PDB file of N, CA and C in Angstrom:
ATOM      1  N   ILE A   1      56.368  63.616-208.988  1.00  0.00           N
ATOM      2  CA  ILE A   1      55.255  64.614-208.906  1.00  0.00           C
ATOM      3  C   ILE A   1      53.892  63.930-208.436  1.00  0.00           C
ATOM      4  N   CYS A   2      53.545  62.785-209.155  1.00  0.00           N
ATOM      5  CA  CYS A   2      52.255  62.070-208.798  1.00  0.00           C
ATOM      6  C   CYS A   2      52.326  61.441-207.533  1.00  0.00           C
ATOM      7  N   ARG A   3      53.423  60.905-207.076  1.00  0.00           N
ATOM      8  CA  ARG A   3      53.493  60.297-205.925  1.00  0.00           C
ATOM      9  C   ARG A   3      53.272  61.341-204.819  1.00  0.00           C
ATOM     10  N   ARG A   4      53.836  62.527-204.899  1.00  0.00           N
ATOM     11  CA  ARG A   4      53.876  63.488-203.887  1.00  0.00           C
ATOM     12  C   ARG A   4      52.301  63.932-203.882  1.00  0.00           C
ATOM     13  N   CYS A   5      51.585  64.008-205.075  1.00  0.00           N
ATOM     14  CA  CYS A   5      50.241  64.520-205.011  1.00  0.00           C
ATOM     15  C   CYS A   5      49.355  63.590-204.266  1.00  0.00           C
ATOM     16  N   PHE A   6      49.562  62.278-204.726  1.00  0.00           N
ATOM     17  CA  PHE A   6      48.660  61.187-204.095  1.00  0.00           C
ATOM     18  C   PHE A   6      48.994  60.991-202.781  1.00  0.00           C
ATOM     19  N   ARG A   7      50.116  61.101-202.322  1.00  0.00           N
ATOM     20  CA  ARG A   7      50.713  61.022-200.780  1.00  0.00           C
ATOM     21  C   ARG A   7      49.829  62.250-199.993  1.00  0.00           C
ATOM     22  N   GLY A   8      49.842  63.410-200.562  1.00  0.00           N
ATOM     23  CA  GLY A   8      49.173  64.511-199.894  1.00  0.00           C
ATOM     24  C   GLY A   8      47.636  64.255-199.903  1.00  0.00           C
ATOM     25  N   LEU A   9      47.151  63.695-200.816  1.00  0.00           N
ATOM     26  CA  LEU A   9      45.704  63.341-200.857  1.00  0.00           C
ATOM     27  C   LEU A   9      45.246  62.323-199.960  1.00  0.00           C
ATOM     28  N   PHE A  10      46.035  61.210-199.933  1.00  0.00           N
ATOM     29  CA  PHE A  10      45.760  60.080-198.984  1.00  0.00           C
ATOM     30  C   PHE A  10      45.985  60.659-197.676  1.00  0.00           C
ATOM     31  N   LYS A  11      47.045  61.509-197.417  1.00  0.00           N
ATOM     32  CA  LYS A  11      47.103  62.097-195.891  1.00  0.00           C
ATOM     33  C   LYS A  11      46.039  62.962-195.513  1.00  0.00           C
ATOM     34  N   SER A  12      45.577  63.478-196.401  1.00  0.00           N
ATOM     35  CA  SER A  12      44.257  64.403-196.012  1.00  0.00           C
ATOM     36  C   SER A  12      43.007  63.706-195.651  1.00  0.00           C
ATOM     37  N   ILE A  13      42.952  62.445-196.586  1.00  0.00           N
ATOM     38  CA  ILE A  13      41.846  61.512-196.358  1.00  0.00           C
ATOM     39  C   ILE A  13      41.937  60.733-195.091  1.00  0.00           C
ATOM     40  N   LYS A  14      43.268  60.165-194.907  1.00  0.00           N
ATOM     41  CA  LYS A  14      43.376  59.162-193.983  1.00  0.00           C
ATOM     42  C   LYS A  14      43.024  59.591-192.437  1.00  0.00           C
ATOM     43  N   GLY A  15      43.370  60.679-192.100  1.00  0.00           N
ATOM     44  CA  GLY A  15      43.132  60.965-190.596  1.00  0.00           C
ATOM     45  C   GLY A  15      41.862  61.715-190.439  1.00  0.00           C
ATOM     46  N   PRO A  16      41.596  62.123-189.212  1.00  0.00           N
ATOM     47  CA  PRO A  16      40.318  62.997-188.968  1.00  0.00           C
ATOM     48  C   PRO A  16      40.467  64.427-189.638  1.00  0.00           C
ATOM     49  N   SER A  17      39.990  64.765-190.717  1.00  0.00           N
ATOM     50  CA  SER A  17      40.028  65.979-191.247  1.00  0.00           C
ATOM     51  C   SER A  17      38.746  66.332-192.043  1.00  0.00           C
ATOM     52  N   ILE A  18      38.659  67.564-192.250  1.00  0.00           N
ATOM     53  CA  ILE A  18      37.294  68.065-192.950  1.00  0.00           C
ATOM     54  C   ILE A  18      37.062  67.214-194.171  1.00  0.00           C
ATOM     55  N   THR A  19      38.177  67.104-194.964  1.00  0.00           N
ATOM     56  CA  THR A  19      37.945  66.457-196.254  1.00  0.00           C
ATOM     57  C   THR A  19      37.400  64.802-195.948  1.00  0.00           C
ATOM     58  N   HIS A  20      38.052  64.223-194.964  1.00  0.00           N
ATOM     59  CA  HIS A  20      37.710  62.915-194.454  1.00  0.00           C
ATOM     60  C   HIS A  20      36.200  62.828-194.146  1.00  0.00           C
ATOM     61  N   SER A  21      35.730  63.821-193.440  1.00  0.00           N
ATOM     62  CA  SER A  21      34.342  63.997-192.971  1.00  0.00           C
ATOM     63  C   SER A  21      33.424  64.161-194.113  1.00  0.00           C
ATOM     64  N   VAL A  22      33.775  65.244-195.126  1.00  0.00           N
ATOM     65  CA  VAL A  22      32.863  65.332-196.269  1.00  0.00           C
ATOM     66  C   VAL A  22      32.697  64.004-197.029  1.00  0.00           C
ATOM     67  N   LEU A  23      33.812  63.395-197.317  1.00  0.00           N
ATOM     68  CA  LEU A  23      33.899  62.141-198.243  1.00  0.00           C
ATOM     69  C   LEU A  23      33.043  61.170-197.495  1.00  0.00           C
ATOM     70  N   PHE A  24      33.175  60.859-196.128  1.00  0.00           N
ATOM     71  CA  PHE A  24      32.427  59.892-195.321  1.00  0.00           C
ATOM     72  C   PHE A  24      30.966  60.125-195.397  1.00  0.00           C
ATOM     73  N   GLY A  25      30.675  61.487-195.296  1.00  0.00           N
ATOM     74  CA  GLY A  25      29.261  61.905-195.342  1.00  0.00           C
ATOM     75  C   GLY A  25      28.523  61.709-196.735  1.00  0.00           C
ATOM     76  N   ILE A  26      29.361  61.874-197.817  1.00  0.00           N
ATOM     77  CA  ILE A  26      28.826  61.834-199.107  1.00  0.00           C
ATOM     78  C   ILE A  26      28.758  60.272-199.380  1.00  0.00           C
ATOM     79  N   CYS A  27      29.716  59.347-198.995  1.00  0.00           N
ATOM     80  CA  CYS A  27      29.502  58.034-199.271  1.00  0.00           C
ATOM     81  C   CYS A  27      28.485  57.246-198.327  1.00  0.00           C
ATOM     82  N   GLY A  28      28.247  57.842-197.141  1.00  0.00           N
ATOM     83  CA  GLY A  28      27.277  57.333-196.248  1.00  0.00           C
ATOM     84  C   GLY A  28      25.899  57.647-196.884  1.00  0.00           C
ATOM     85  N   GLY A  29      25.724  58.982-197.300  1.00  0.00           N
ATOM     86  CA  GLY A  29      24.384  59.439-197.864  1.00  0.00           C
ATOM     87  C   GLY A  29      23.966  58.470-199.242  1.00  0.00           C
ATOM     88  N   LEU A  30      25.137  58.204-199.973  1.00  0.00           N
ATOM     89  CA  LEU A  30      24.822  57.430-201.250  1.00  0.00           C
ATOM     90  C   LEU A  30      24.418  55.948-200.887  1.00  0.00           C
ATOM     91  N   VAL A  31      25.170  55.440-199.920  1.00  0.00           N
ATOM     92  CA  VAL A  31      24.646  53.973-199.426  1.00  0.00           C
ATOM     93  C   VAL A  31      23.283  54.122-198.893  1.00  0.00           C
ATOM     94  N   TYR A  32      22.991  55.158-197.963  1.00  0.00           N
ATOM     95  CA  TYR A  32      21.687  55.295-197.451  1.00  0.00           C
ATOM     96  C   TYR A  32      20.627  55.184-198.454  1.00  0.00           C
ATOM     97  N   TYR A  33      20.601  56.279-199.356  1.00  0.00           N
ATOM     98  CA  TYR A  33      19.636  56.516-200.410  1.00  0.00           C
ATOM     99  C   TYR A  33      19.678  55.300-201.347  1.00  0.00           C
ATOM    100  N   GLY A  34      20.798  54.664-201.601  1.00  0.00           N
ATOM    101  CA  GLY A  34      20.719  53.551-202.711  1.00  0.00           C
ATOM    102  C   GLY A  34      19.846  52.418-202.046  1.00  0.00           C
ATOM    103  N   SER A  35      20.301  52.170-200.607  1.00  0.00           N
ATOM    104  CA  SER A  35      19.522  51.015-200.071  1.00  0.00           C
ATOM    105  C   SER A  35      18.150  51.433-199.960  1.00  0.00           C
ATOM    106  N   TYR A  36      17.664  52.572-199.664  1.00  0.00           N
ATOM    107  CA  TYR A  36      16.368  53.005-199.600  1.00  0.00           C
ATOM    108  C   TYR A  36      15.629  52.821-200.964  1.00  0.00           C
ATOM    109  N   TYR A  37      16.201  53.188-201.875  1.00  0.00           N
ATOM    110  CA  TYR A  37      15.555  53.095-203.204  1.00  0.00           C
ATOM    111  C   TYR A  37      15.522  51.517-203.556  1.00  0.00           C
ATOM    112  N   PHE A  38      16.485  50.797-203.322  1.00  0.00           N
ATOM    113  CA  PHE A  38      16.231  49.424-203.412  1.00  0.00           C
ATOM    114  C   PHE A  38      15.230  48.739-202.693  1.00  0.00           C
ATOM    115  N   TYR A  39      15.132  49.143-201.330  1.00  0.00           N
ATOM    116  CA  TYR A  39      14.017  48.755-200.663  1.00  0.00           C
ATOM    117  C   TYR A  39      12.613  49.089-201.210  1.00  0.00           C
ATOM    118  N   ARG A  40      12.572  50.281-201.696  1.00  0.00           N
ATOM    119  CA  ARG A  40      11.295  50.884-202.279  1.00  0.00           C
ATOM    120  C   ARG A  40      11.027  49.922-203.637  1.00  0.00           C
ATOM    121  N   PHE A  41      12.008  49.630-204.346  1.00  0.00           N
ATOM    122  CA  PHE A  41      11.856  48.902-205.566  1.00  0.00           C
ATOM    123  C   PHE A  41      11.354  47.478-205.333  1.00  0.00           C
ATOM    124  N   LEU A  42      11.883  46.827-204.186  1.00  0.00           N
ATOM    125  CA  LEU A  42      11.493  45.466-203.832  1.00  0.00           C
ATOM    126  C   LEU A  42       9.939  45.621-203.333  1.00  0.00           C
ATOM    127  N   LYS A  43       9.754  46.540-202.609  1.00  0.00           N
ATOM    128  CA  LYS A  43       8.417  46.567-201.944  1.00  0.00           C
ATOM    129  C   LYS A  43       7.398  46.886-202.891  1.00  0.00           C
ATOM    130  N   ILE A  44       7.592  47.780-203.798  1.00  0.00           N
ATOM    131  CA  ILE A  44       6.525  48.151-204.866  1.00  0.00           C
ATOM    132  C   ILE A  44       6.525  46.847-205.854  1.00  0.00           C
ATOM    133  N   THR A  45       7.621  46.292-206.254  1.00  0.00           N
ATOM    134  CA  THR A  45       7.627  45.190-207.292  1.00  0.00           C
ATOM    135  C   THR A  45       6.895  43.996-206.640  1.00  0.00           C
ATOM    136  N   TYR A  46       7.230  43.635-205.498  1.00  0.00           N
ATOM    137  CA  TYR A  46       6.704  42.191-204.920  1.00  0.00           C
ATOM    138  C   TYR A  46       5.703  42.366-203.902  1.00  0.00           C
ATOM    139  N   PHE A  47       5.546  43.339-203.102  1.00  0.00           N
ATOM    140  CA  PHE A  47       4.722  43.313-201.981  1.00  0.00           C
ATOM    141  C   PHE A  47       3.798  44.383-201.804  1.00  0.00           C
ATOM    142  N   ASP A  48       3.494  45.247-203.001  1.00  0.00           N
ATOM    143  CA  ASP A  48       2.487  46.384-203.106  1.00  0.00           C
ATOM    144  C   ASP A  48       1.283  45.787-203.581  1.00  0.00           C
ATOM    145  N   THR A  49       0.103  45.701-202.627  1.00  0.00           N
ATOM    146  CA  THR A  49      -1.109  45.215-203.248  1.00  0.00           C
ATOM    147  C   THR A  49      -2.175  46.569-203.284  1.00  0.00           C
ATOM    148  N   GLN A  50      -1.683  47.643-202.684  1.00  0.00           N
ATOM    149  CA  GLN A  50      -2.614  48.771-202.751  1.00  0.00           C
ATOM    150  C   GLN A  50      -2.960  49.325-204.075  1.00  0.00           C
ATOM    151  N   HIS A  51      -2.065  49.203-204.957  1.00  0.00           N
ATOM    152  CA  HIS A  51      -2.212  49.740-206.440  1.00  0.00           C
ATOM    153  C   HIS A  51      -3.403  48.872-206.943  1.00  0.00           C
ATOM    154  N   VAL A  52      -3.662  47.642-206.539  1.00  0.00           N
ATOM    155  CA  VAL A  52      -4.624  46.873-207.213  1.00  0.00           C
ATOM    156  C   VAL A  52      -6.163  47.477-206.858  1.00  0.00           C
ATOM    157  N   SER A  53      -6.139  47.758-205.487  1.00  0.00           N
ATOM    158  CA  SER A  53      -7.535  48.384-205.104  1.00  0.00           C
ATOM    159  C   SER A  53      -7.523  49.954-205.706  1.00  0.00           C
ATOM    160  N   ASN A  54      -6.394  50.623-205.946  1.00  0.00           N
ATOM    161  CA  ASN A  54      -6.610  51.894-206.509  1.00  0.00           C
ATOM    162  C   ASN A  54      -7.127  51.857-207.918  1.00  0.00           C
ATOM    163  N   GLU A  55      -6.439  50.945-208.712  1.00  0.00           N
ATOM    164  CA  GLU A  55      -6.748  50.736-210.063  1.00  0.00           C
ATOM    165  C   GLU A  55      -8.370  50.337-210.181  1.00  0.00           C
ATOM    166  N   SER A  56      -8.671  49.359-209.275  1.00  0.00           N
ATOM    167  CA  SER A  56     -10.260  49.089-209.130  1.00  0.00           C
ATOM    168  C   SER A  56     -11.079  50.349-209.046  1.00  0.00           C
ATOM    169  N   ARG A  57     -10.755  51.070-208.059  1.00  0.00           N
ATOM    170  CA  ARG A  57     -11.452  52.340-207.925  1.00  0.00           C
ATOM    171  C   ARG A  57     -11.497  53.174-209.032  1.00  0.00           C
ATOM    172  N   ARG A  58     -10.372  53.328-209.698  1.00  0.00           N
ATOM    173  CA  ARG A  58     -10.222  54.252-210.909  1.00  0.00           C
ATOM    174  C   ARG A  58     -11.177  53.822-211.992  1.00  0.00           C
ATOM    175  N   ARG A  59     -11.125  52.200-212.226  1.00  0.00           N
ATOM    176  CA  ARG A  59     -11.990  51.703-213.163  1.00  0.00           C
ATOM    177  C   ARG A  59     -13.466  51.966-212.879  1.00  0.00           C
ATOM    178  N   TYR A  60     -13.824  51.787-211.795  1.00  0.00           N
ATOM    179  CA  TYR A  60     -15.141  52.052-211.003  1.00  0.00           C
ATOM    180  C   TYR A  60     -15.437  53.446-211.473  1.00  0.00           C
ATOM    181  N   MET A  61     -14.672  54.287-211.139  1.00  0.00           N
ATOM    182  CA  MET A  61     -14.986  55.840-211.307  1.00  0.00           C
ATOM    183  C   MET A  61     -15.113  56.093-212.699  1.00  0.00           C
ATOM    184  N   GLU A  62     -14.293  55.513-213.676  1.00  0.00           N
ATOM    185  CA  GLU A  62     -14.327  55.770-215.081  1.00  0.00           C
ATOM    186  C   GLU A  62     -15.698  55.299-215.680  1.00  0.00           C
ATOM    187  N   LYS A  63     -16.004  54.054-215.258  1.00  0.00           N
ATOM    188  CA  LYS A  63     -17.460  53.424-215.648  1.00  0.00           C
ATOM    189  C   LYS A  63     -18.448  54.514-215.155  1.00  0.00           C
ATOM    190  N   GLN A  64     -18.445  54.836-213.933  1.00  0.00           N
ATOM    191  CA  GLN A  64     -19.513  55.721-213.486  1.00  0.00           C
ATOM    192  C   GLN A  64     -19.511  57.193-214.226  1.00  0.00           C
ATOM    193  N   MET A  65     -18.289  57.756-214.572  1.00  0.00           N
ATOM    194  CA  MET A  65     -18.343  58.917-215.316  1.00  0.00           C
ATOM    195  C   MET A  65     -18.862  58.706-216.808  1.00  0.00           C
ATOM    196  N   LEU A  66     -18.479  57.560-217.353  1.00  0.00           N
ATOM    197  CA  LEU A  66     -19.018  57.191-218.717  1.00  0.00           C
ATOM    198  C   LEU A  66     -20.591  57.280-218.719  1.00  0.00           C
ATOM    199  N   PHE A  67     -21.158  56.469-217.590  1.00  0.00           N
ATOM    200  CA  PHE A  67     -22.534  56.342-217.411  1.00  0.00           C
ATOM    201  C   PHE A  67     -23.194  57.653-217.269  1.00  0.00           C
ATOM    202  N   TYR A  68     -22.635  58.553-216.363  1.00  0.00           N
ATOM    203  CA  TYR A  68     -23.366  59.767-216.235  1.00  0.00           C
ATOM    204  C   TYR A  68     -23.250  60.737-217.385  1.00  0.00           C
ATOM    205  N   ASN A  69     -22.136  60.559-218.178  1.00  0.00           N
ATOM    206  CA  ASN A  69     -22.015  61.330-219.566  1.00  0.00           C
ATOM    207  C   ASN A  69     -23.134  60.956-220.300  1.00  0.00           C
ATOM    208  N   ASP A  70     -23.277  59.638-220.599  1.00  0.00           N
ATOM    209  CA  ASP A  70     -24.138  59.069-221.426  1.00  0.00           C
ATOM    210  C   ASP A  70     -25.615  59.525-220.993  1.00  0.00           C
ATOM    211  N   PHE A  71     -25.852  59.375-219.571  1.00  0.00           N
ATOM    212  CA  PHE A  71     -27.097  59.757-219.155  1.00  0.00           C
ATOM    213  C   PHE A  71     -27.482  61.114-219.355  1.00  0.00           C
ATOM    214  N   GLY A  72     -26.545  62.055-219.048  1.00  0.00           N
ATOM    215  CA  GLY A  72     -26.709  63.473-219.403  1.00  0.00           C
ATOM    216  C   GLY A  72     -27.011  63.655-220.827  1.00  0.00           C
ATOM    217  N   TYR A  73     -26.378  62.930-221.923  1.00  0.00           N
ATOM    218  CA  TYR A  73     -26.614  63.106-223.285  1.00  0.00           C
ATOM    219  C   TYR A  73     -27.942  62.648-223.561  1.00  0.00           C
ATOM    220  N   ASP A  74     -28.522  61.431-222.961  1.00  0.00           N
ATOM    221  CA  ASP A  74     -29.668  61.021-223.138  1.00  0.00           C
ATOM    222  C   ASP A  74     -30.918  62.100-222.831  1.00  0.00           C
ATOM    223  N   LEU A  75     -30.523  62.630-221.426  1.00  0.00           N
ATOM    224  CA  LEU A  75     -31.433  63.655-221.055  1.00  0.00           C
ATOM    225  C   LEU A  75     -31.491  64.929-221.977  1.00  0.00           C
ATOM    226  N   SER A  76     -30.463  65.397-222.598  1.00  0.00           N
ATOM    227  CA  SER A  76     -30.380  66.477-223.450  1.00  0.00           C
ATOM    228  C   SER A  76     -31.165  66.061-224.631  1.00  0.00           C
ATOM    229  N   MET A  77     -30.980  64.869-225.172  1.00  0.00           N
ATOM    230  CA  MET A  77     -31.875  64.381-226.345  1.00  0.00           C
ATOM    231  C   MET A  77     -33.365  64.550-226.146  1.00  0.00           C
ATOM    232  N   LYS A  78     -33.711  63.999-224.932  1.00  0.00           N
ATOM    233  CA  LYS A  78     -35.161  64.046-224.447  1.00  0.00           C
ATOM    234  C   LYS A  78     -35.617  65.414-224.642  1.00  0.00           C
ATOM    235  N   TYR A  79     -34.774  66.346-224.025  1.00  0.00           N
ATOM    236  CA  TYR A  79     -35.153  67.724-223.850  1.00  0.00           C
ATOM    237  C   TYR A  79     -35.364  68.319-225.339  1.00  0.00           C
ATOM    238  N   ILE A  80     -34.480  68.053-226.206  1.00  0.00           N
ATOM    239  CA  ILE A  80     -34.542  68.548-227.525  1.00  0.00           C
ATOM    240  C   ILE A  80     -35.672  67.929-228.219  1.00  0.00           C
ATOM    241  N   GLY A  81     -35.841  66.740-227.917  1.00  0.00           N
ATOM    242  CA  GLY A  81     -37.171  66.112-228.628  1.00  0.00           C
ATOM    243  C   GLY A  81     -38.407  66.623-228.095  1.00  0.00           C
ATOM    244  N   ASN A  82     -38.365  66.944-226.830  1.00  0.00           N
ATOM    245  CA  ASN A  82     -39.705  67.643-226.362  1.00  0.00           C
ATOM    246  C   ASN A  82     -39.778  69.080-226.714  1.00  0.00           C
ATOM    247  N   LEU A  83     -38.683  69.647-227.254  1.00  0.00           N
ATOM    248  CA  LEU A  83     -38.831  70.984-227.844  1.00  0.00           C
ATOM    249  C   LEU A  83     -39.290  70.918-229.169  1.00  0.00           C
ATOM    250  N   CYS A  84     -38.785  69.923-229.972  1.00  0.00           N
ATOM    251  CA  CYS A  84     -39.214  69.591-231.382  1.00  0.00           C
ATOM    252  C   CYS A  84     -40.600  69.282-231.320  1.00  0.00           C
ATOM    253  N   LYS A  85     -41.213  68.709-230.307  1.00  0.00           N
ATOM    254  CA  LYS A  85     -42.645  68.357-230.310  1.00  0.00           C
ATOM    255  C   LYS A  85     -43.439  69.670-230.459  1.00  0.00           C
ATOM    256  N   TYR A  86     -43.028  70.603-229.613  1.00  0.00           N
ATOM    257  CA  TYR A  86     -43.566  71.804-229.721  1.00  0.00           C
ATOM    258  C   TYR A  86     -43.371  72.779-230.622  1.00  0.00           C
ATOM    259  N   TYR A  87     -42.459  72.459-231.652  1.00  0.00           N
ATOM    260  CA  TYR A  87     -41.875  73.271-232.597  1.00  0.00           C
ATOM    261  C   TYR A  87     -42.968  73.587-233.624  1.00  0.00           C
ATOM    262  N   ASP A  88     -43.195  74.950-233.683  1.00  0.00           N
ATOM    263  CA  ASP A  88     -44.297  75.525-234.744  1.00  0.00           C
ATOM    264  C   ASP A  88     -43.691  76.413-235.639  1.00  0.00           C
ATOM    265  N   PRO A  89     -43.301  75.909-236.940  1.00  0.00           N
ATOM    266  CA  PRO A  89     -42.576  76.842-237.831  1.00  0.00           C
ATOM    267  C   PRO A  89     -43.506  77.933-238.093  1.00  0.00           C
ATOM    268  N   VAL A  90     -44.781  77.882-238.246  1.00  0.00           N
ATOM    269  CA  VAL A  90     -45.772  78.905-238.756  1.00  0.00           C
ATOM    270  C   VAL A  90     -45.744  80.138-237.692  1.00  0.00           C
ATOM    271  N   ALA A  91     -45.258  79.801-236.595  1.00  0.00           N
ATOM    272  CA  ALA A  91     -45.026  80.850-235.494  1.00  0.00           C
ATOM    273  C   ALA A  91     -43.872  81.761-235.890  1.00  0.00           C
ATOM    274  N   LEU A  92     -42.964  81.239-236.701  1.00  0.00           N
ATOM    275  CA  LEU A  92     -41.745  82.013-237.054  1.00  0.00           C
ATOM    276  C   LEU A  92     -41.909  82.838-238.115  1.00  0.00           C
ATOM    277  N   ARG A  93     -42.872  82.721-238.975  1.00  0.00           N
ATOM    278  CA  ARG A  93     -43.050  83.376-239.982  1.00  0.00           C
ATOM    279  C   ARG A  93     -43.536  84.955-239.826  1.00  0.00           C
ATOM    280  N   LEU A  94     -43.047  85.869-240.568  1.00  0.00           N
ATOM    281  CA  LEU A  94     -43.614  87.166-240.416  1.00  0.00           C
ATOM    282  C   LEU A  94     -45.182  87.250-240.766  1.00  0.00           C
ATOM    283  N   PRO A  95     -45.835  88.131-240.115  1.00  0.00           N
ATOM    284  CA  PRO A  95     -47.321  88.136-240.428  1.00  0.00           C
ATOM    285  C   PRO A  95     -47.421  88.550-241.880  1.00  0.00           C
ATOM    286  N   PHE A  96     -48.348  87.575-242.565  1.00  0.00           N
ATOM    287  CA  PHE A  96     -48.735  87.919-244.032  1.00  0.00           C
ATOM    288  C   PHE A  96     -47.746  87.545-244.776  1.00  0.00           C
ATOM    289  N   GLN A  97     -46.665  86.839-244.575  1.00  0.00           N
ATOM    290  CA  GLN A  97     -45.596  86.469-245.423  1.00  0.00           C
ATOM    291  C   GLN A  97     -45.491  84.967-245.483  1.00  0.00           C
ATOM    292  N   PRO A  98     -44.882  84.526-246.622  1.00  0.00           N
ATOM    293  CA  PRO A  98     -44.876  83.021-246.602  1.00  0.00           C
ATOM    294  C   PRO A  98     -43.405  82.699-245.710  1.00  0.00           C
ATOM    295  N   LEU A  99     -43.664  81.361-245.430  1.00  0.00           N
ATOM    296  CA  LEU A  99     -42.714  80.783-244.390  1.00  0.00           C
ATOM    297  C   LEU A  99     -41.343  80.532-245.276  1.00  0.00           C
ATOM    298  N   ASP A 100     -40.243  81.042-244.693  1.00  0.00           N
ATOM    299  CA  ASP A 100     -38.939  80.996-245.150  1.00  0.00           C
ATOM    300  C   ASP A 100     -38.561  79.488-244.992  1.00  0.00           C
ATOM    301  N   ASP A 101     -37.857  78.991-246.100  1.00  0.00           N
ATOM    302  CA  ASP A 101     -37.418  77.634-246.296  1.00  0.00           C
ATOM    303  C   ASP A 101     -36.394  77.266-245.113  1.00  0.00           C
ATOM    304  N   LYS A 102     -35.744  78.095-244.443  1.00  0.00           N
ATOM    305  CA  LYS A 102     -34.671  77.698-243.507  1.00  0.00           C
ATOM    306  C   LYS A 102     -35.470  77.355-242.248  1.00  0.00           C
ATOM    307  N   TYR A 103     -36.636  77.623-242.062  1.00  0.00           N
ATOM    308  CA  TYR A 103     -37.365  77.376-240.847  1.00  0.00           C
ATOM    309  C   TYR A 103     -38.047  75.948-240.950  1.00  0.00           C
ATOM    310  N   ARG A 104     -38.049  75.428-242.258  1.00  0.00           N
ATOM    311  CA  ARG A 104     -38.808  74.209-242.470  1.00  0.00           C
ATOM    312  C   ARG A 104     -37.862  72.865-241.920  1.00  0.00           C
ATOM    313  N   LEU A 105     -38.533  71.891-241.352  1.00  0.00           N
ATOM    314  CA  LEU A 105     -37.793  70.731-240.858  1.00  0.00           C
ATOM    315  C   LEU A 105     -37.302  69.927-242.054  1.00  0.00           C
TER     316      LEU A 105
END
């Protein structure tokens, strides 16, 4: 029974048939994509220099972002400091009432 099954399977694969074409296409695709991914692996591992420049740009952008965040924080602190310079707690009290403690610095 097994010989008969294998003989029928090999007979359908051996000659020009639909099964032969499908299997040949699958194997050809696997070989093509396998070689393509192997080529990409070799190229990225040994010959890729563009990632070095991209990483340099990313580091520069990160430093620039940190600088501007710090600069914005300094500007906001100066703004708050200028507001504190003009802070007048007496202006916050109700007329003819003592100043509430929550308004004292």
